[in-house]
């Protein structure tokens, strides 16, 4: 099982949560960013249907793969 950490960081004149190199929208307060990160991390744990997904890699290549809707990551929020 994979693990995803949501980190609360200062961003663009406010606060955001960050997963890997990706930032959320900017929030006015640390508490608001943390609440949004907690909600997003909880939603990511909810099982869904198996589906085909498509995404772009950092090289700019598009990949299509089967995503098992029951293989959900373990998540936490830091900061």
PDB file of N, CA and C in Angstrom:
ATOM      1  N   UNK A   1       0.848  -1.180   0.000  1.00  0.00           N
ATOM      2  CA  UNK A   1       0.000   0.000   0.000  1.00  0.00           C
ATOM      3  C   UNK A   1       0.893   1.242   0.000  1.00  0.00           C
ATOM      4  N   UNK A   2       0.512   2.218  -0.794  1.00  0.00           N
ATOM      5  CA  UNK A   2       1.285   3.454  -0.857  1.00  0.00           C
ATOM      6  C   UNK A   2       0.890   4.400   0.282  1.00  0.00           C
ATOM      7  N   UNK A   3       1.723   5.391   0.485  1.00  0.00           N
ATOM      8  CA  UNK A   3       1.485   6.367   1.543  1.00  0.00           C
ATOM      9  C   UNK A   3       1.564   7.768   0.937  1.00  0.00           C
ATOM     10  N   UNK A   4       0.601   8.625   1.276  1.00  0.00           N
ATOM     11  CA  UNK A   4       0.564  10.003   0.784  1.00  0.00           C
ATOM     12  C   UNK A   4       0.536  10.942   1.983  1.00  0.00           C
ATOM     13  N   UNK A   5       1.455  11.906   1.989  1.00  0.00           N
ATOM     14  CA  UNK A   5       1.501  12.899   3.057  1.00  0.00           C
ATOM     15  C   UNK A   5       1.104  14.264   2.510  1.00  0.00           C
ATOM     16  N   UNK A   6       0.149  14.890   3.159  1.00  0.00           N
ATOM     17  CA  UNK A   6      -0.280  16.255   2.846  1.00  0.00           C
ATOM     18  C   UNK A   6       0.472  17.167   3.803  1.00  0.00           C
ATOM     19  N   UNK A   7       1.251  18.107   3.259  1.00  0.00           N
ATOM     20  CA  UNK A   7       2.033  19.020   4.099  1.00  0.00           C
ATOM     21  C   UNK A   7       1.456  20.433   3.988  1.00  0.00           C
ATOM     22  N   UNK A   8       1.263  21.081   5.137  1.00  0.00           N
ATOM     23  CA  UNK A   8       0.758  22.457   5.163  1.00  0.00           C
ATOM     24  C   UNK A   8       1.965  23.385   5.023  1.00  0.00           C
ATOM     25  N   UNK A   9       1.930  24.276   4.022  1.00  0.00           N
ATOM     26  CA  UNK A   9       3.064  25.161   3.740  1.00  0.00           C
ATOM     27  C   UNK A   9       2.567  26.564   3.420  1.00  0.00           C
ATOM     28  N   UNK A  10       3.441  27.547   3.638  1.00  0.00           N
ATOM     29  CA  UNK A  10       3.147  28.906   3.188  1.00  0.00           C
ATOM     30  C   UNK A  10       3.256  28.917   1.672  1.00  0.00           C
ATOM     31  N   UNK A  11       2.284  29.563   1.022  1.00  0.00           N
ATOM     32  CA  UNK A  11       2.286  29.549  -0.440  1.00  0.00           C
ATOM     33  C   UNK A  11       1.504  30.729  -0.996  1.00  0.00           C
ATOM     34  N   UNK A  12       2.111  31.441  -1.903  1.00  0.00           N
ATOM     35  CA  UNK A  12       1.446  32.484  -2.679  1.00  0.00           C
ATOM     36  C   UNK A  12       0.700  33.502  -1.808  1.00  0.00           C
ATOM     37  N   UNK A  13       1.347  33.923  -0.720  1.00  0.00           N
ATOM     38  CA  UNK A  13       0.766  34.941   0.154  1.00  0.00           C
ATOM     39  C   UNK A  13      -0.227  34.403   1.171  1.00  0.00           C
ATOM     40  N   UNK A  14      -0.310  33.098   1.301  1.00  0.00           N
ATOM     41  CA  UNK A  14      -1.230  32.479   2.266  1.00  0.00           C
ATOM     42  C   UNK A  14      -0.725  31.098   2.642  1.00  0.00           C
ATOM     43  N   UNK A  15      -1.636  30.149   2.731  1.00  0.00           N
ATOM     44  CA  UNK A  15      -1.303  28.782   3.133  1.00  0.00           C
ATOM     45  C   UNK A  15      -1.931  27.797   2.154  1.00  0.00           C
ATOM     46  N   UNK A  16      -1.255  26.678   1.966  1.00  0.00           N
ATOM     47  CA  UNK A  16      -1.766  25.640   1.071  1.00  0.00           C
ATOM     48  C   UNK A  16      -1.339  24.293   1.630  1.00  0.00           C
ATOM     49  N   UNK A  17      -1.915  23.241   1.085  1.00  0.00           N
ATOM     50  CA  UNK A  17      -1.353  21.925   1.366  1.00  0.00           C
ATOM     51  C   UNK A  17      -0.641  21.462   0.108  1.00  0.00           C
ATOM     52  N   UNK A  18       0.371  20.664   0.305  1.00  0.00           N
ATOM     53  CA  UNK A  18       1.224  20.225  -0.787  1.00  0.00           C
ATOM     54  C   UNK A  18       1.344  18.714  -0.731  1.00  0.00           C
ATOM     55  N   UNK A  19       1.192  18.072  -1.879  1.00  0.00           N
ATOM     56  CA  UNK A  19       1.411  16.630  -2.006  1.00  0.00           C
ATOM     57  C   UNK A  19       2.455  16.459  -3.091  1.00  0.00           C
ATOM     58  N   UNK A  20       3.613  15.940  -2.711  1.00  0.00           N
ATOM     59  CA  UNK A  20       4.717  15.869  -3.679  1.00  0.00           C
ATOM     60  C   UNK A  20       5.099  17.275  -4.078  1.00  0.00           C
ATOM     61  N   UNK A  21       5.053  17.554  -5.381  1.00  0.00           N
ATOM     62  CA  UNK A  21       5.383  18.890  -5.884  1.00  0.00           C
ATOM     63  C   UNK A  21       4.148  19.707  -6.249  1.00  0.00           C
ATOM     64  N   UNK A  22       2.974  19.208  -5.879  1.00  0.00           N
ATOM     65  CA  UNK A  22       1.721  19.855  -6.272  1.00  0.00           C
ATOM     66  C   UNK A  22       1.086  20.594  -5.099  1.00  0.00           C
ATOM     67  N   UNK A  23       0.728  21.868  -5.339  1.00  0.00           N
ATOM     68  CA  UNK A  23       0.096  22.697  -4.322  1.00  0.00           C
ATOM     69  C   UNK A  23      -1.414  22.727  -4.528  1.00  0.00           C
ATOM     70  N   UNK A  24      -2.135  22.847  -3.433  1.00  0.00           N
ATOM     71  CA  UNK A  24      -3.576  23.101  -3.501  1.00  0.00           C
ATOM     72  C   UNK A  24      -3.786  24.581  -3.803  1.00  0.00           C
ATOM     73  N   UNK A  25      -5.048  24.974  -3.818  1.00  0.00           N
ATOM     74  CA  UNK A  25      -5.338  26.403  -3.886  1.00  0.00           C
ATOM     75  C   UNK A  25      -4.820  27.060  -2.600  1.00  0.00           C
ATOM     76  N   UNK A  26      -4.720  28.375  -2.613  1.00  0.00           N
ATOM     77  CA  UNK A  26      -4.225  29.116  -1.455  1.00  0.00           C
ATOM     78  C   UNK A  26      -5.375  29.441  -0.508  1.00  0.00           C
ATOM     79  N   UNK A  27      -5.133  29.270   0.779  1.00  0.00           N
ATOM     80  CA  UNK A  27      -6.112  29.567   1.826  1.00  0.00           C
ATOM     81  C   UNK A  27      -5.597  30.726   2.663  1.00  0.00           C
ATOM     82  N   UNK A  28      -6.509  31.473   3.260  1.00  0.00           N
ATOM     83  CA  UNK A  28      -6.146  32.659   4.040  1.00  0.00           C
ATOM     84  C   UNK A  28      -5.436  32.309   5.343  1.00  0.00           C
ATOM     85  N   UNK A  29      -5.723  31.126   5.907  1.00  0.00           N
ATOM     86  CA  UNK A  29      -5.120  30.775   7.188  1.00  0.00           C
ATOM     87  C   UNK A  29      -4.573  29.348   7.173  1.00  0.00           C
ATOM     88  N   UNK A  30      -3.670  29.114   8.097  1.00  0.00           N
ATOM     89  CA  UNK A  30      -3.106  27.772   8.288  1.00  0.00           C
ATOM     90  C   UNK A  30      -4.219  26.788   8.642  1.00  0.00           C
ATOM     91  N   UNK A  31      -5.121  27.200   9.524  1.00  0.00           N
ATOM     92  CA  UNK A  31      -6.218  26.312   9.937  1.00  0.00           C
ATOM     93  C   UNK A  31      -7.115  25.916   8.767  1.00  0.00           C
ATOM     94  N   UNK A  32      -7.393  26.859   7.872  1.00  0.00           N
ATOM     95  CA  UNK A  32      -8.233  26.552   6.713  1.00  0.00           C
ATOM     96  C   UNK A  32      -7.530  25.583   5.767  1.00  0.00           C
ATOM     97  N   UNK A  33      -6.231  25.775   5.566  1.00  0.00           N
ATOM     98  CA  UNK A  33      -5.461  24.867   4.706  1.00  0.00           C
ATOM     99  C   UNK A  33      -5.401  23.471   5.325  1.00  0.00           C
ATOM    100  N   UNK A  34      -5.222  23.415   6.643  1.00  0.00           N
ATOM    101  CA  UNK A  34      -5.170  22.118   7.321  1.00  0.00           C
ATOM    102  C   UNK A  34      -6.518  21.399   7.233  1.00  0.00           C
ATOM    103  N   UNK A  35      -7.604  22.125   7.431  1.00  0.00           N
ATOM    104  CA  UNK A  35      -8.939  21.514   7.344  1.00  0.00           C
ATOM    105  C   UNK A  35      -9.178  20.952   5.943  1.00  0.00           C
ATOM    106  N   UNK A  36      -8.760  21.691   4.912  1.00  0.00           N
ATOM    107  CA  UNK A  36      -8.926  21.221   3.538  1.00  0.00           C
ATOM    108  C   UNK A  36      -8.059  19.986   3.276  1.00  0.00           C
ATOM    109  N   UNK A  37      -6.857  19.973   3.825  1.00  0.00           N
ATOM    110  CA  UNK A  37      -5.964  18.822   3.657  1.00  0.00           C
ATOM    111  C   UNK A  37      -6.527  17.582   4.352  1.00  0.00           C
ATOM    112  N   UNK A  38      -7.080  17.758   5.536  1.00  0.00           N
ATOM    113  CA  UNK A  38      -7.687  16.634   6.254  1.00  0.00           C
ATOM    114  C   UNK A  38      -8.855  16.080   5.447  1.00  0.00           C
ATOM    115  N   UNK A  39      -9.689  16.955   4.892  1.00  0.00           N
ATOM    116  CA  UNK A  39     -10.830  16.502   4.099  1.00  0.00           C
ATOM    117  C   UNK A  39     -10.348  15.753   2.845  1.00  0.00           C
ATOM    118  N   UNK A  40      -9.360  16.303   2.162  1.00  0.00           N
ATOM    119  CA  UNK A  40      -8.838  15.663   0.952  1.00  0.00           C
ATOM    120  C   UNK A  40      -8.207  14.316   1.275  1.00  0.00           C
ATOM    121  N   UNK A  41      -7.477  14.223   2.379  1.00  0.00           N
ATOM    122  CA  UNK A  41      -6.839  12.958   2.734  1.00  0.00           C
ATOM    123  C   UNK A  41      -7.874  11.897   3.097  1.00  0.00           C
ATOM    124  N   UNK A  42      -8.951  12.304   3.735  1.00  0.00           N
ATOM    125  CA  UNK A  42     -10.028  11.355   4.058  1.00  0.00           C
ATOM    126  C   UNK A  42     -10.727  10.868   2.796  1.00  0.00           C
ATOM    127  N   UNK A  43     -10.986  11.786   1.867  1.00  0.00           N
ATOM    128  CA  UNK A  43     -11.651  11.421   0.619  1.00  0.00           C
ATOM    129  C   UNK A  43     -10.794  10.467  -0.203  1.00  0.00           C
ATOM    130  N   UNK A  44      -9.487  10.614  -0.128  1.00  0.00           N
ATOM    131  CA  UNK A  44      -8.595   9.768  -0.909  1.00  0.00           C
ATOM    132  C   UNK A  44      -8.627   8.317  -0.424  1.00  0.00           C
ATOM    133  N   UNK A  45      -9.031   8.108   0.821  1.00  0.00           N
ATOM    134  CA  UNK A  45      -9.086   6.759   1.398  1.00  0.00           C
ATOM    135  C   UNK A  45     -10.368   6.006   1.029  1.00  0.00           C
ATOM    136  N   UNK A  46     -11.364   6.711   0.495  1.00  0.00           N
ATOM    137  CA  UNK A  46     -12.655   6.092   0.199  1.00  0.00           C
ATOM    138  C   UNK A  46     -12.535   5.214  -1.046  1.00  0.00           C
ATOM    139  N   UNK A  47     -12.937   3.963  -0.897  1.00  0.00           N
ATOM    140  CA  UNK A  47     -12.889   3.045  -2.035  1.00  0.00           C
ATOM    141  C   UNK A  47     -13.856   3.489  -3.119  1.00  0.00           C
ATOM    142  N   UNK A  48     -13.515   3.186  -4.349  1.00  0.00           N
ATOM    143  CA  UNK A  48     -14.323   3.564  -5.501  1.00  0.00           C
ATOM    144  C   UNK A  48     -14.349   2.385  -6.460  1.00  0.00           C
ATOM    145  N   UNK A  49     -14.914   2.593  -7.614  1.00  0.00           N
ATOM    146  CA  UNK A  49     -14.931   1.543  -8.627  1.00  0.00           C
ATOM    147  C   UNK A  49     -13.595   1.493  -9.348  1.00  0.00           C
ATOM    148  N   UNK A  50     -13.219   0.307  -9.813  1.00  0.00           N
ATOM    149  CA  UNK A  50     -12.034   0.168 -10.640  1.00  0.00           C
ATOM    150  C   UNK A  50     -12.306   0.873 -11.959  1.00  0.00           C
ATOM    151  N   UNK A  51     -11.320   1.628 -12.459  1.00  0.00           N
ATOM    152  CA  UNK A  51     -11.511   2.408 -13.678  1.00  0.00           C
ATOM    153  C   UNK A  51     -10.186   2.579 -14.408  1.00  0.00           C
ATOM    154  N   UNK A  52     -10.271   2.980 -15.651  1.00  0.00           N
ATOM    155  CA  UNK A  52      -9.086   3.341 -16.427  1.00  0.00           C
ATOM    156  C   UNK A  52      -8.834   4.827 -16.219  1.00  0.00           C
ATOM    157  N   UNK A  53      -7.589   5.179 -15.921  1.00  0.00           N
ATOM    158  CA  UNK A  53      -7.222   6.583 -15.714  1.00  0.00           C
ATOM    159  C   UNK A  53      -6.127   6.971 -16.701  1.00  0.00           C
ATOM    160  N   UNK A  54      -6.020   8.257 -16.951  1.00  0.00           N
ATOM    161  CA  UNK A  54      -4.991   8.777 -17.838  1.00  0.00           C
ATOM    162  C   UNK A  54      -4.328   9.957 -17.140  1.00  0.00           C
ATOM    163  N   UNK A  55      -2.985   9.996 -17.218  1.00  0.00           N
ATOM    164  CA  UNK A  55      -2.256  11.099 -16.583  1.00  0.00           C
ATOM    165  C   UNK A  55      -0.982  11.368 -17.370  1.00  0.00           C
ATOM    166  N   UNK A  56      -0.438  12.558 -17.145  1.00  0.00           N
ATOM    167  CA  UNK A  56       0.793  12.966 -17.816  1.00  0.00           C
ATOM    168  C   UNK A  56       1.964  12.820 -16.864  1.00  0.00           C
ATOM    169  N   UNK A  57       3.049  12.197 -17.316  1.00  0.00           N
ATOM    170  CA  UNK A  57       4.246  12.046 -16.499  1.00  0.00           C
ATOM    171  C   UNK A  57       5.058  13.336 -16.522  1.00  0.00           C
ATOM    172  N   UNK A  58       6.080  13.416 -15.680  1.00  0.00           N
ATOM    173  CA  UNK A  58       6.932  14.610 -15.656  1.00  0.00           C
ATOM    174  C   UNK A  58       7.690  14.789 -16.966  1.00  0.00           C
ATOM    175  N   UNK A  59       7.812  13.710 -17.768  1.00  0.00           N
ATOM    176  CA  UNK A  59       8.477  13.780 -19.080  1.00  0.00           C
ATOM    177  C   UNK A  59       7.536  14.313 -20.160  1.00  0.00           C
ATOM    178  N   UNK A  60       6.247  14.516 -19.816  1.00  0.00           N
ATOM    179  CA  UNK A  60       5.279  14.975 -20.793  1.00  0.00           C
ATOM    180  C   UNK A  60       4.611  13.843 -21.557  1.00  0.00           C
ATOM    181  N   UNK A  61       4.840  12.603 -21.132  1.00  0.00           N
ATOM    182  CA  UNK A  61       4.228  11.443 -21.784  1.00  0.00           C
ATOM    183  C   UNK A  61       2.903  11.108 -21.116  1.00  0.00           C
ATOM    184  N   UNK A  62       1.891  10.792 -21.929  1.00  0.00           N
ATOM    185  CA  UNK A  62       0.587  10.419 -21.396  1.00  0.00           C
ATOM    186  C   UNK A  62       0.537   8.914 -21.193  1.00  0.00           C
ATOM    187  N   UNK A  63       0.014   8.498 -20.032  1.00  0.00           N
ATOM    188  CA  UNK A  63      -0.066   7.096 -19.662  1.00  0.00           C
ATOM    189  C   UNK A  63      -1.513   6.747 -19.343  1.00  0.00           C
ATOM    190  N   UNK A  64      -1.961   5.589 -19.812  1.00  0.00           N
ATOM    191  CA  UNK A  64      -3.285   5.079 -19.468  1.00  0.00           C
ATOM    192  C   UNK A  64      -3.081   3.793 -18.691  1.00  0.00           C
ATOM    193  N   UNK A  65      -3.716   3.684 -17.531  1.00  0.00           N
ATOM    194  CA  UNK A  65      -3.573   2.469 -16.730  1.00  0.00           C
ATOM    195  C   UNK A  65      -4.840   2.193 -15.937  1.00  0.00           C
ATOM    196  N   UNK A  66      -4.966   0.951 -15.519  1.00  0.00           N
ATOM    197  CA  UNK A  66      -6.113   0.513 -14.725  1.00  0.00           C
ATOM    198  C   UNK A  66      -5.860   0.878 -13.265  1.00  0.00           C
ATOM    199  N   UNK A  67      -6.812   1.549 -12.639  1.00  0.00           N
ATOM    200  CA  UNK A  67      -6.706   1.916 -11.228  1.00  0.00           C
ATOM    201  C   UNK A  67      -7.710   1.083 -10.430  1.00  0.00           C
ATOM    202  N   UNK A  68      -7.201   0.283  -9.524  1.00  0.00           N
ATOM    203  CA  UNK A  68      -8.050  -0.533  -8.656  1.00  0.00           C
ATOM    204  C   UNK A  68      -8.704   0.385  -7.635  1.00  0.00           C
ATOM    205  N   UNK A  69      -9.994   0.509  -7.680  1.00  0.00           N
ATOM    206  CA  UNK A  69     -10.720   1.412  -6.792  1.00  0.00           C
ATOM    207  C   UNK A  69     -10.686   1.021  -5.329  1.00  0.00           C
ATOM    208  N   UNK A  70     -10.186  -0.172  -5.040  1.00  0.00           N
ATOM    209  CA  UNK A  70     -10.119  -0.612  -3.641  1.00  0.00           C
ATOM    210  C   UNK A  70      -8.704  -0.555  -3.090  1.00  0.00           C
ATOM    211  N   UNK A  71      -7.739  -0.197  -3.898  1.00  0.00           N
ATOM    212  CA  UNK A  71      -6.345  -0.106  -3.488  1.00  0.00           C
ATOM    213  C   UNK A  71      -6.049   1.335  -3.112  1.00  0.00           C
ATOM    214  N   UNK A  72      -6.520   1.760  -1.958  1.00  0.00           N
ATOM    215  CA  UNK A  72      -6.406   3.151  -1.538  1.00  0.00           C
ATOM    216  C   UNK A  72      -5.171   3.353  -0.692  1.00  0.00           C
ATOM    217  N   UNK A  73      -4.536   4.523  -0.791  1.00  0.00           N
ATOM    218  CA  UNK A  73      -3.316   4.777  -0.025  1.00  0.00           C
ATOM    219  C   UNK A  73      -3.602   5.097   1.448  1.00  0.00           C
ATOM    220  N   UNK A  74      -2.600   4.919   2.254  1.00  0.00           N
ATOM    221  CA  UNK A  74      -2.611   5.389   3.627  1.00  0.00           C
ATOM    222  C   UNK A  74      -2.237   6.875   3.550  1.00  0.00           C
ATOM    223  N   UNK A  75      -2.904   7.741   4.310  1.00  0.00           N
ATOM    224  CA  UNK A  75      -2.633   9.180   4.229  1.00  0.00           C
ATOM    225  C   UNK A  75      -2.421   9.783   5.616  1.00  0.00           C
ATOM    226  N   UNK A  76      -1.706  10.908   5.637  1.00  0.00           N
ATOM    227  CA  UNK A  76      -1.613  11.694   6.861  1.00  0.00           C
ATOM    228  C   UNK A  76      -1.410  13.162   6.488  1.00  0.00           C
ATOM    229  N   UNK A  77      -1.560  14.031   7.484  1.00  0.00           N
ATOM    230  CA  UNK A  77      -1.409  15.481   7.292  1.00  0.00           C
ATOM    231  C   UNK A  77      -0.361  15.971   8.284  1.00  0.00           C
ATOM    232  N   UNK A  78       0.635  16.720   7.772  1.00  0.00           N
ATOM    233  CA  UNK A  78       1.687  17.280   8.620  1.00  0.00           C
ATOM    234  C   UNK A  78       1.648  18.798   8.542  1.00  0.00           C
ATOM    235  N   UNK A  79       1.841  19.413   9.687  1.00  0.00           N
ATOM    236  CA  UNK A  79       1.979  20.864   9.710  1.00  0.00           C
ATOM    237  C   UNK A  79       0.794  21.589  10.226  1.00  0.00           C
TER     238      UNK A  79
END
